C-alpha atoms as a PDB file:
ATOM      1  CA  MET A   1      85.564 -65.555  20.706  1.00  0.00           C
ATOM      2  CA  GLU A   2      88.451 -67.015  22.672  1.00  0.00           C
ATOM      3  CA  VAL A   3      89.957 -65.653  25.924  1.00  0.00           C
ATOM      4  CA  HIS A   4      93.595 -66.502  26.832  1.00  0.00           C
ATOM      5  CA  LEU A   5      95.450 -65.360  29.968  1.00  0.00           C
ATOM      6  CA  VAL A   6      99.201 -64.941  29.424  1.00  0.00           C
ATOM      7  CA  ALA A   7     100.945 -65.484  32.775  1.00  0.00           C
ATOM      8  CA  ALA A   8     104.544 -66.012  33.830  1.00  0.00           C
ATOM      9  CA  ASP A   9     104.117 -69.784  33.694  1.00  0.00           C
ATOM     10  CA  GLY A  10     102.371 -69.992  30.364  1.00  0.00           C
ATOM     11  CA  VAL A  11      99.012 -69.310  28.735  1.00  0.00           C
ATOM     12  CA  GLU A  12      95.621 -70.295  29.989  1.00  0.00           C
ATOM     13  CA  GLN A  13      92.260 -70.353  28.233  1.00  0.00           C
ATOM     14  CA  HIS A  14      89.284 -68.993  30.130  1.00  0.00           C
ATOM     15  CA  PRO A  15      85.562 -68.844  29.344  1.00  0.00           C
ATOM     16  CA  VAL A  16      84.101 -65.717  27.759  1.00  0.00           C
ATOM     17  CA  ALA A  17      81.821 -65.225  30.802  1.00  0.00           C
ATOM     18  CA  GLU A  18      84.824 -64.252  32.903  1.00  0.00           C
ATOM     19  CA  LEU A  19      85.423 -61.161  30.753  1.00  0.00           C
ATOM     20  CA  PRO A  20      84.407 -57.813  32.172  1.00  0.00           C
ATOM     21  CA  ASP A  21      82.172 -55.774  29.950  1.00  0.00           C
ATOM     22  CA  LEU A  22      84.490 -55.562  26.942  1.00  0.00           C
ATOM     23  CA  PHE A  23      87.160 -53.830  29.036  1.00  0.00           C
ATOM     24  CA  GLY A  24      85.361 -50.558  28.520  1.00  0.00           C
ATOM     25  CA  CYS A  25      86.119 -50.476  24.777  1.00  0.00           C
ATOM     26  CA  HIS A  26      85.036 -47.300  23.128  1.00  0.00           C
ATOM     27  CA  PRO A  27      81.707 -47.737  21.276  1.00  0.00           C
ATOM     28  CA  LEU A  28      83.036 -46.156  18.058  1.00  0.00           C
ATOM     29  CA  ALA A  29      85.915 -48.626  17.988  1.00  0.00           C
ATOM     30  CA  VAL A  30      83.495 -51.548  18.660  1.00  0.00           C
ATOM     31  CA  GLU A  31      81.388 -50.338  15.825  1.00  0.00           C
ATOM     32  CA  ASP A  32      84.391 -50.336  13.451  1.00  0.00           C
ATOM     33  CA  CYS A  33      84.966 -53.965  14.331  1.00  0.00           C
ATOM     34  CA  PHE A  34      81.643 -54.962  12.803  1.00  0.00           C
ATOM     35  CA  ARG A  35      82.360 -53.539   9.312  1.00  0.00           C
ATOM     36  CA  ARG A  36      85.095 -53.679   6.751  1.00  0.00           C
ATOM     37  CA  ASN A  37      87.530 -50.779   7.046  1.00  0.00           C
ATOM     38  CA  ARG A  38      89.256 -49.834   3.856  1.00  0.00           C
ATOM     39  CA  VAL A  39      91.846 -47.560   5.372  1.00  0.00           C
ATOM     40  CA  PRO A  40      94.129 -48.497   8.276  1.00  0.00           C
ATOM     41  CA  ARG A  41      94.127 -46.091  11.203  1.00  0.00           C
ATOM     42  CA  VAL A  42      94.833 -45.652  14.931  1.00  0.00           C
ATOM     43  CA  HIS A  43      92.728 -43.968  17.613  1.00  0.00           C
ATOM     44  CA  VAL A  44      93.879 -43.540  21.171  1.00  0.00           C
ATOM     45  CA  TYR A  45      91.248 -43.605  23.878  1.00  0.00           C
ATOM     46  CA  PRO A  46      91.653 -43.297  27.735  1.00  0.00           C
ATOM     47  CA  GLN A  47      91.649 -47.070  28.242  1.00  0.00           C
ATOM     48  CA  HIS A  48      93.305 -48.380  25.093  1.00  0.00           C
ATOM     49  CA  ALA A  49      94.623 -47.762  21.588  1.00  0.00           C
ATOM     50  CA  PHE A  50      92.574 -49.011  18.710  1.00  0.00           C
ATOM     51  CA  VAL A  51      94.620 -50.018  15.647  1.00  0.00           C
ATOM     52  CA  ILE A  52      93.322 -51.190  12.240  1.00  0.00           C
ATOM     53  CA  LEU A  53      95.739 -53.006   9.896  1.00  0.00           C
ATOM     54  CA  HIS A  54      95.542 -55.050   6.695  1.00  0.00           C
ATOM     55  CA  SER A  55      97.474 -58.033   5.476  1.00  0.00           C
ATOM     56  CA  PRO A  56      97.624 -59.132   1.813  1.00  0.00           C
ATOM     57  CA  GLN A  57      96.191 -62.430   0.481  1.00  0.00           C
ATOM     58  CA  LEU A  58      96.678 -63.118  -3.223  1.00  0.00           C
ATOM     59  CA  GLY A  59      93.484 -63.819  -5.144  1.00  0.00           C
ATOM     60  CA  VAL A  60      92.582 -64.623  -8.726  1.00  0.00           C
ATOM     61  CA  GLY A  61      93.577 -62.482 -11.712  1.00  0.00           C
ATOM     62  CA  GLY A  62      95.957 -60.218  -9.868  1.00  0.00           C
ATOM     63  CA  HIS A  63      93.397 -59.316  -7.191  1.00  0.00           C
ATOM     64  CA  VAL A  64      94.735 -58.862  -3.619  1.00  0.00           C
ATOM     65  CA  HIS A  65      92.418 -59.382  -0.690  1.00  0.00           C
ATOM     66  CA  TYR A  66      92.869 -56.952   2.221  1.00  0.00           C
ATOM     67  CA  VAL A  67      92.633 -59.152   5.352  1.00  0.00           C
ATOM     68  CA  GLU A  68      91.742 -56.920   8.294  1.00  0.00           C
ATOM     69  CA  LEU A  69      93.149 -57.131  11.802  1.00  0.00           C
ATOM     70  CA  ASP A  70      91.743 -54.870  14.515  1.00  0.00           C
ATOM     71  CA  GLN A  71      93.540 -54.488  17.857  1.00  0.00           C
ATOM     72  CA  PHE A  72      92.522 -53.034  21.203  1.00  0.00           C
ATOM     73  CA  ILE A  73      95.840 -52.500  23.026  1.00  0.00           C
ATOM     74  CA  GLY A  74      95.291 -51.772  26.743  1.00  0.00           C
ATOM     75  CA  GLU A  75      97.630 -51.590  29.697  1.00  0.00           C
ATOM     76  CA  ARG A  76      97.090 -55.238  30.683  1.00  0.00           C
ATOM     77  CA  TYR A  77      95.263 -56.771  27.707  1.00  0.00           C
ATOM     78  CA  LEU A  78      95.203 -57.174  23.982  1.00  0.00           C
ATOM     79  CA  ILE A  79      92.006 -57.883  22.071  1.00  0.00           C
ATOM     80  CA  THR A  80      92.256 -58.931  18.425  1.00  0.00           C
ATOM     81  CA  VAL A  81      89.306 -58.905  16.007  1.00  0.00           C
ATOM     82  CA  HIS A  82      89.694 -60.608  12.612  1.00  0.00           C
ATOM     83  CA  GLY A  83      87.731 -59.583   9.576  1.00  0.00           C
ATOM     84  CA  PRO A  84      85.159 -59.345   8.164  1.00  0.00           C
ATOM     85  CA  VAL A  85      86.754 -60.510   4.906  1.00  0.00           C
ATOM     86  CA  ASN A  86      85.715 -61.530   1.458  1.00  0.00           C
ATOM     87  CA  ALA A  87      84.035 -64.941   1.183  1.00  0.00           C
ATOM     88  CA  ALA A  88      86.821 -66.015  -1.301  1.00  0.00           C
ATOM     89  CA  VAL A  89      89.430 -65.778   1.467  1.00  0.00           C
ATOM     90  CA  PRO A  90      90.157 -69.176   3.139  1.00  0.00           C
ATOM     91  CA  ALA A  91      88.633 -69.348   6.635  1.00  0.00           C
ATOM     92  CA  GLU A  92      92.003 -69.854   8.358  1.00  0.00           C
ATOM     93  CA  VAL A  93      93.672 -66.807   6.818  1.00  0.00           C
ATOM     94  CA  PRO A  94      92.272 -64.029   9.068  1.00  0.00           C
ATOM     95  CA  GLU A  95      93.596 -65.652  12.181  1.00  0.00           C
ATOM     96  CA  ARG A  96      96.759 -67.058  10.679  1.00  0.00           C
ATOM     97  CA  GLU A  97      99.269 -64.768  12.411  1.00  0.00           C
ATOM     98  CA  THR A  98      97.433 -64.700  15.764  1.00  0.00           C
ATOM     99  CA  ARG A  99      97.245 -68.521  15.775  1.00  0.00           C
ATOM    100  CA  SER A 100     100.965 -68.798  15.044  1.00  0.00           C
ATOM    101  CA  VAL A 101     101.854 -66.469  17.938  1.00  0.00           C
ATOM    102  CA  LEU A 102      99.488 -68.359  20.281  1.00  0.00           C
ATOM    103  CA  ALA A 103     101.175 -71.635  19.299  1.00  0.00           C
ATOM    104  CA  ARG A 104     104.656 -70.163  20.083  1.00  0.00           C
ATOM    105  CA  ILE A 105     103.454 -69.062  23.496  1.00  0.00           C
ATOM    106  CA  GLN A 106     101.896 -72.432  24.260  1.00  0.00           C
ATOM    107  CA  ALA A 107     105.132 -74.117  23.191  1.00  0.00           C
ATOM    108  CA  GLY A 108     107.125 -71.925  25.557  1.00  0.00           C
ATOM    109  CA  LYS A 109     109.031 -70.158  22.708  1.00  0.00           C
ATOM    110  CA  LEU A 110     107.553 -66.761  23.345  1.00  0.00           C
ATOM    111  CA  HIS A 111     107.008 -64.965  26.694  1.00  0.00           C
ATOM    112  CA  PRO A 112     105.423 -61.527  26.079  1.00  0.00           C
ATOM    113  CA  ARG A 113     105.589 -59.289  29.169  1.00  0.00           C
ATOM    114  CA  THR A 114     103.160 -56.596  27.960  1.00  0.00           C
ATOM    115  CA  PRO A 115     100.288 -56.192  25.514  1.00  0.00           C
ATOM    116  CA  HIS A 116     102.598 -54.224  23.277  1.00  0.00           C
ATOM    117  CA  GLU A 117     105.059 -57.119  23.120  1.00  0.00           C
ATOM    118  CA  LEU A 118     102.204 -59.442  22.247  1.00  0.00           C
ATOM    119  CA  SER A 119     100.946 -57.064  19.553  1.00  0.00           C
ATOM    120  CA  TYR A 120     104.469 -56.717  18.263  1.00  0.00           C
ATOM    121  CA  ALA A 121     104.694 -60.468  17.831  1.00  0.00           C
ATOM    122  CA  ILE A 122     101.438 -60.633  15.898  1.00  0.00           C
ATOM    123  CA  VAL A 123     102.176 -57.640  13.681  1.00  0.00           C
ATOM    124  CA  SER A 124     105.724 -58.948  12.963  1.00  0.00           C
ATOM    125  CA  ALA A 125     104.164 -62.227  11.832  1.00  0.00           C
ATOM    126  CA  SER A 126     101.998 -60.061   9.505  1.00  0.00           C
ATOM    127  CA  THR A 127     105.029 -58.311   7.987  1.00  0.00           C
ATOM    128  CA  ARG A 128     106.678 -61.662   7.456  1.00  0.00           C
ATOM    129  CA  GLN A 129     103.596 -62.743   5.557  1.00  0.00           C
ATOM    130  CA  GLN A 130     103.856 -59.548   3.431  1.00  0.00           C
ATOM    131  CA  GLU A 131     107.456 -60.453   2.646  1.00  0.00           C
ATOM    132  CA  ARG A 132     106.322 -63.939   1.579  1.00  0.00           C
ATOM    133  CA  VAL A 133     103.824 -62.389  -0.745  1.00  0.00           C
ATOM    134  CA  VAL A 134     106.523 -60.169  -2.246  1.00  0.00           C
ATOM    135  CA  GLU A 135     108.721 -63.229  -2.682  1.00  0.00           C
ATOM    136  CA  GLN A 136     105.920 -65.093  -4.471  1.00  0.00           C
ATOM    137  CA  LEU A 137     105.283 -62.098  -6.772  1.00  0.00           C
ATOM    138  CA  THR A 138     109.020 -61.748  -7.412  1.00  0.00           C
ATOM    139  CA  GLY A 139     108.920 -65.387  -8.759  1.00  0.00           C
ATOM    140  CA  ASP A 140     106.249 -64.223 -11.182  1.00  0.00           C
ATOM    141  CA  VAL A 141     108.312 -61.197 -12.136  1.00  0.00           C
ATOM    142  CA  TRP A 142     111.345 -63.375 -12.934  1.00  0.00           C
ATOM    143  CA  ARG A 143     109.231 -65.776 -14.920  1.00  0.00           C
ATOM    144  CA  LEU A 144     107.708 -62.999 -17.024  1.00  0.00           C
ATOM    145  CA  GLU A 145     111.101 -61.328 -17.503  1.00  0.00           C
ATOM    146  CA  GLN A 146     112.622 -64.535 -18.835  1.00  0.00           C
ATOM    147  CA  ARG A 147     109.774 -64.805 -21.353  1.00  0.00           C
ATOM    148  CA  VAL A 148     110.430 -61.311 -22.547  1.00  0.00           C
ATOM    149  CA  THR A 149     114.247 -61.491 -22.729  1.00  0.00           C
ATOM    150  CA  SER A 150     114.176 -64.909 -24.386  1.00  0.00           C
ATOM    151  CA  GLY A 151     112.078 -63.487 -27.260  1.00  0.00           C
ATOM    152  CA  ASP A 152     109.165 -65.819 -26.577  1.00  0.00           C
ATOM    153  CA  LYS A 153     106.765 -65.341 -29.449  1.00  0.00           C
ATOM    154  CA  GLY A 154     104.116 -67.753 -28.242  1.00  0.00           C
ATOM    155  CA  GLY A 155     100.709 -66.734 -27.055  1.00  0.00           C
ATOM    156  CA  ASP A 156      98.654 -63.623 -27.372  1.00  0.00           C
ATOM    157  CA  PRO A 157     100.533 -60.363 -26.758  1.00  0.00           C
ATOM    158  CA  GLU A 158      97.440 -58.758 -25.339  1.00  0.00           C
ATOM    159  CA  ALA A 159      96.973 -61.589 -22.805  1.00  0.00           C
ATOM    160  CA  PHE A 160     100.664 -61.446 -21.928  1.00  0.00           C
ATOM    161  CA  LEU A 161     100.532 -57.720 -21.250  1.00  0.00           C
ATOM    162  CA  GLU A 162      97.433 -58.367 -19.122  1.00  0.00           C
ATOM    163  CA  GLU A 163      99.465 -60.862 -17.019  1.00  0.00           C
ATOM    164  CA  LEU A 164     102.260 -58.343 -16.636  1.00  0.00           C
ATOM    165  CA  PHE A 165      99.862 -55.643 -15.443  1.00  0.00           C
ATOM    166  CA  GLN A 166      98.180 -58.044 -13.011  1.00  0.00           C
ATOM    167  CA  VAL A 167     101.515 -58.787 -11.244  1.00  0.00           C
ATOM    168  CA  ARG A 168     102.320 -55.089 -11.150  1.00  0.00           C
ATOM    169  CA  HIS A 169      98.918 -54.328  -9.600  1.00  0.00           C
ATOM    170  CA  SER A 170      99.550 -57.026  -6.885  1.00  0.00           C
ATOM    171  CA  LEU A 171     102.882 -55.445  -5.996  1.00  0.00           C
ATOM    172  CA  MET A 172     101.258 -51.992  -5.800  1.00  0.00           C
ATOM    173  CA  ALA A 173      98.628 -53.448  -3.482  1.00  0.00           C
ATOM    174  CA  VAL A 174     101.279 -54.922  -1.098  1.00  0.00           C
ATOM    175  CA  ARG A 175     103.165 -51.583  -1.266  1.00  0.00           C
ATOM    176  CA  THR A 176      99.994 -49.675  -0.230  1.00  0.00           C
ATOM    177  CA  ILE A 177      99.251 -52.026   2.651  1.00  0.00           C
ATOM    178  CA  SER A 178     102.877 -51.674   4.018  1.00  0.00           C
ATOM    179  CA  LEU A 179     102.958 -47.926   3.457  1.00  0.00           C
ATOM    180  CA  THR A 180      99.672 -47.285   5.283  1.00  0.00           C
ATOM    181  CA  ALA A 181     100.710 -49.478   8.116  1.00  0.00           C
ATOM    182  CA  TYR A 182     103.964 -47.545   8.316  1.00  0.00           C
ATOM    183  CA  ASP A 183     101.923 -44.331   8.655  1.00  0.00           C
ATOM    184  CA  VAL A 184      99.672 -45.810  11.332  1.00  0.00           C
ATOM    185  CA  TYR A 185     102.583 -46.791  13.560  1.00  0.00           C
ATOM    186  CA  GLY A 186     104.279 -43.529  12.983  1.00  0.00           C
ATOM    187  CA  ARG A 187     101.099 -41.860  14.235  1.00  0.00           C
ATOM    188  CA  LEU A 188     101.189 -44.238  17.240  1.00  0.00           C
ATOM    189  CA  VAL A 189     104.701 -43.052  18.127  1.00  0.00           C
ATOM    190  CA  SER A 190     103.575 -39.364  17.875  1.00  0.00           C
ATOM    191  CA  LEU A 191     100.863 -40.178  20.422  1.00  0.00           C
ATOM    192  CA  GLY A 192     103.546 -40.804  23.081  1.00  0.00           C
ATOM    193  CA  ARG A 193     101.227 -40.436  26.072  1.00  0.00           C
ATOM    194  CA  PHE A 194      99.906 -43.929  25.410  1.00  0.00           C
ATOM    195  CA  LEU A 195     103.085 -45.781  24.387  1.00  0.00           C
ATOM    196  CA  PRO A 196     105.323 -46.767  27.392  1.00  0.00           C
ATOM    197  CA  ASP A 197     108.954 -45.908  27.039  1.00  0.00           C
ATOM    198  CA  ASP A 198     110.026 -49.550  27.507  1.00  0.00           C
ATOM    199  CA  ASP A 199     107.841 -50.567  24.473  1.00  0.00           C
ATOM    200  CA  ARG A 200     108.775 -47.711  22.163  1.00  0.00           C
ATOM    201  CA  HIS A 201     111.556 -49.716  20.487  1.00  0.00           C
ATOM    202  CA  LEU A 202     108.980 -52.335  19.499  1.00  0.00           C
ATOM    203  CA  VAL A 203     106.931 -49.829  17.565  1.00  0.00           C
ATOM    204  CA  ASP A 204     110.040 -48.337  16.063  1.00  0.00           C
ATOM    205  CA  ASP A 205     111.034 -51.792  14.812  1.00  0.00           C
ATOM    206  CA  LEU A 206     107.595 -52.372  13.306  1.00  0.00           C
ATOM    207  CA  ILE A 207     107.965 -49.033  11.489  1.00  0.00           C
ATOM    208  CA  ASP A 208     111.265 -50.251  10.082  1.00  0.00           C
ATOM    209  CA  GLN A 209     109.659 -53.603   9.064  1.00  0.00           C
ATOM    210  CA  PHE A 210     106.818 -51.980   7.154  1.00  0.00           C
ATOM    211  CA  ASP A 211     109.355 -49.603   5.480  1.00  0.00           C
ATOM    212  CA  ARG A 212     111.420 -52.546   4.384  1.00  0.00           C
ATOM    213  CA  VAL A 213     108.417 -54.402   2.880  1.00  0.00           C
ATOM    214  CA  ARG A 214     107.389 -51.171   1.084  1.00  0.00           C
ATOM    215  CA  SER A 215     110.963 -50.830  -0.301  1.00  0.00           C
ATOM    216  CA  LEU A 216     110.979 -54.450  -1.501  1.00  0.00           C
ATOM    217  CA  ALA A 217     107.612 -54.059  -3.271  1.00  0.00           C
ATOM    218  CA  ASP A 218     108.771 -50.785  -4.810  1.00  0.00           C
ATOM    219  CA  GLY A 219     111.900 -52.365  -6.145  1.00  0.00           C
ATOM    220  CA  GLU A 220     110.138 -55.288  -7.730  1.00  0.00           C
ATOM    221  CA  ARG A 221     107.411 -53.022  -9.096  1.00  0.00           C
ATOM    222  CA  ASP A 222     109.997 -50.704 -10.695  1.00  0.00           C
ATOM    223  CA  TYR A 223     111.851 -53.711 -12.153  1.00  0.00           C
ATOM    224  CA  LEU A 224     108.653 -55.151 -13.567  1.00  0.00           C
ATOM    225  CA  GLN A 225     107.792 -51.774 -15.043  1.00  0.00           C
ATOM    226  CA  GLY A 226     111.112 -51.842 -16.892  1.00  0.00           C
ATOM    227  CA  VAL A 227     110.207 -55.314 -18.257  1.00  0.00           C
ATOM    228  CA  ILE A 228     106.812 -53.970 -19.341  1.00  0.00           C
ATOM    229  CA  ASP A 229     108.437 -50.981 -21.035  1.00  0.00           C
ATOM    230  CA  PHE A 230     110.915 -53.241 -22.817  1.00  0.00           C
ATOM    231  CA  TYR A 231     108.198 -55.590 -24.021  1.00  0.00           C
ATOM    232  CA  ARG A 232     105.967 -52.795 -25.219  1.00  0.00           C
ATOM    233  CA  ALA A 233     108.859 -51.008 -26.956  1.00  0.00           C
ATOM    234  CA  ARG A 234     109.871 -54.165 -28.754  1.00  0.00           C
ATOM    235  CA  THR A 235     106.297 -55.068 -29.725  1.00  0.00           C
ATOM    236  CA  GLU A 236     105.472 -51.479 -30.853  1.00  0.00           C
ATOM    237  CA  THR A 237     108.740 -51.332 -32.861  1.00  0.00           C
ATOM    238  CA  LYS A 238     107.816 -54.542 -34.691  1.00  0.00           C
ATOM    239  CA  MET A 239     104.364 -53.214 -35.448  1.00  0.00           C
ATOM    240  CA  THR A 240     105.854 -49.915 -36.654  1.00  0.00           C
ATOM    241  CA  ILE A 241     108.286 -51.725 -38.930  1.00  0.00           C
ATOM    242  CA  ALA A 242     105.505 -53.960 -40.268  1.00  0.00           C
ATOM    243  CA  ALA A 243     103.373 -50.885 -40.952  1.00  0.00           C
ATOM    244  CA  GLU A 244     106.243 -49.180 -42.777  1.00  0.00           C
ATOM    245  CA  ARG A 245     106.820 -52.275 -44.964  1.00  0.00           C
ATOM    246  CA  LEU A 246     103.111 -52.431 -45.806  1.00  0.00           C
ATOM    247  CA  THR A 247     103.285 -48.758 -46.775  1.00  0.00           C
ATOM    248  CA  VAL A 248     106.262 -49.452 -49.041  1.00  0.00           C
ATOM    249  CA  VAL A 249     104.337 -52.337 -50.652  1.00  0.00           C
ATOM    250  CA  ALA A 250     101.397 -50.080 -51.228  1.00  0.00           C
ATOM    251  CA  VAL A 251     103.607 -47.353 -52.730  1.00  0.00           C
ATOM    252  CA  VAL A 252     105.269 -49.891 -55.044  1.00  0.00           C
ATOM    253  CA  THR A 253     102.097 -51.443 -56.213  1.00  0.00           C
ATOM    254  CA  LEU A 254     100.196 -48.202 -56.664  1.00  0.00           C
ATOM    255  CA  PRO A 255     101.875 -47.182 -59.991  1.00  0.00           C
ATOM    256  CA  ILE A 256     101.589 -50.744 -61.228  1.00  0.00           C
ATOM    257  CA  THR A 257      97.901 -50.712 -60.393  1.00  0.00           C
ATOM    258  CA  ALA A 258      97.411 -47.392 -62.169  1.00  0.00           C
ATOM    259  CA  ILE A 259      99.289 -48.500 -65.314  1.00  0.00           C
ATOM    260  CA  GLY A 260      97.488 -51.805 -65.352  1.00  0.00           C
ATOM    261  CA  SER A 261      94.106 -50.148 -64.995  1.00  0.00           C
ATOM    262  CA  ILE A 262      94.745 -47.691 -67.829  1.00  0.00           C
ATOM    263  CA  TYR A 263      96.455 -50.027 -70.264  1.00  0.00           C
ATOM    264  CA  GLY A 264      94.406 -53.047 -69.433  1.00  0.00           C
ATOM    265  CA  MET A 265      91.564 -51.601 -71.314  1.00  0.00           C
ATOM    266  CA  ASN A 266      93.640 -50.649 -74.340  1.00  0.00           C
ATOM    267  CA  VAL A 267      96.236 -53.371 -74.630  1.00  0.00           C
ATOM    268  CA  ILE A 268      93.996 -56.418 -73.987  1.00  0.00           C
ATOM    269  CA  VAL A 269      90.931 -55.638 -75.957  1.00  0.00           C
ATOM    270  CA  ASN A 270      88.216 -58.235 -76.618  1.00  0.00           C
ATOM    271  CA  GLN A 271      89.794 -61.227 -78.564  1.00  0.00           C
ATOM    272  CA  GLN A 272      92.951 -59.422 -79.730  1.00  0.00           C
ATOM    273  CA  THR A 273      96.082 -58.808 -77.592  1.00  0.00           C
ATOM    274  CA  HIS A 274      98.777 -56.421 -78.743  1.00  0.00           C
ATOM    275  CA  VAL A 275     101.802 -58.476 -77.712  1.00  0.00           C
ATOM    276  CA  GLY A 276     104.306 -55.697 -78.294  1.00  0.00           C
ATOM    277  CA  GLN A 277     102.456 -53.165 -76.227  1.00  0.00           C
ATOM    278  CA  LEU A 278     101.882 -55.769 -73.471  1.00  0.00           C
ATOM    279  CA  VAL A 279     105.577 -56.507 -73.231  1.00  0.00           C
ATOM    280  CA  ALA A 280     106.373 -52.829 -73.137  1.00  0.00           C
ATOM    281  CA  VAL A 281     103.845 -52.145 -70.385  1.00  0.00           C
ATOM    282  CA  LEU A 282     105.139 -55.060 -68.267  1.00  0.00           C
ATOM    283  CA  ALA A 283     108.656 -53.770 -68.662  1.00  0.00           C
ATOM    284  CA  VAL A 284     107.590 -50.340 -67.560  1.00  0.00           C
ATOM    285  CA  MET A 285     105.863 -51.857 -64.500  1.00  0.00           C
ATOM    286  CA  ALA A 286     108.970 -53.880 -63.554  1.00  0.00           C
ATOM    287  CA  ALA A 287     111.255 -50.807 -64.004  1.00  0.00           C
ATOM    288  CA  VAL A 288     108.963 -48.620 -61.862  1.00  0.00           C
ATOM    289  CA  SER A 289     108.888 -51.304 -59.129  1.00  0.00           C
ATOM    290  CA  ALA A 290     112.631 -51.676 -59.145  1.00  0.00           C
ATOM    291  CA  VAL A 291     113.168 -47.913 -58.930  1.00  0.00           C
ATOM    292  CA  LEU A 292     110.710 -47.559 -56.033  1.00  0.00           C
ATOM    293  CA  LEU A 293     112.199 -50.585 -54.160  1.00  0.00           C
ATOM    294  CA  THR A 294     115.741 -49.191 -54.592  1.00  0.00           C
ATOM    295  CA  TRP A 295     114.600 -45.784 -53.361  1.00  0.00           C
ATOM    296  CA  ALA A 296     112.856 -47.278 -50.314  1.00  0.00           C
ATOM    297  CA  LYS A 297     115.908 -49.350 -49.418  1.00  0.00           C
ATOM    298  CA  ARG A 298     118.172 -46.269 -49.560  1.00  0.00           C
ATOM    299  CA  GLN A 299     115.769 -44.420 -47.302  1.00  0.00           C
ATOM    300  CA  GLY A 300     116.122 -47.283 -44.815  1.00  0.00           C
ATOM    301  CA  TRP A 301     112.423 -48.183 -45.055  1.00  0.00           C
ATOM    302  CA  TRP A 302     113.110 -51.750 -46.326  1.00  0.00           C
END
């Protein structure tokens, strides 16, 4: 735990012992801080608003880690609680946005006047991180799209489809995170008794930021879905054509097999071969094959 006092002349760090008893934080909100919360939400108590948000962190195989940020926003203070998170998430990730905002304050580049301004700076850094994730996934979308449109035949089609679906899943996860955050801050606006009029524009801007990230993720997801549909249609068409050709081959060879089975026992008998009948049967087989192939071609099956 770290305690920082933001004053007019900068930011100062203070020992934890100087804190009052958790600023009177509601026990239910404190309890939520000790466990992973799967759904973002906001609760307004007499002393503060308690906000739960998530930020995306790309993992392995299309998995997206939900990095939790909890905030107690009071009239004169902001408490942030980071995590808990999956052990696979790097240790610096949960505090990434908060640390960056603290560095800006220490460098004199940011001077928040209220807890809402400080919270706005942290959450805005989170939306920028979401945009970076969408940018990274867009690079994957472009790479996969180029493979599809270039007619790349290398690799396993099943594995390639798996990669396409993994990227789509990641985009859906980012969309869900931004959409639920949008709903949380919309709810905060509706609880106007807590939000000062001077800070309302900050929350409105955060709502717009989350909506923009959601729109970006939606656009890339829809584009990728088009790539998936194109690839599947092309692959399935090739498989259908191959199946039709195999069917034609089976149809062509079926009469030949039947004739060969019947006459094979009668034309080629023991040590004597009836050459005339053999030639006649082979001619019939060739004629039947030619007729069937011509018919299949006229039907557009070959």
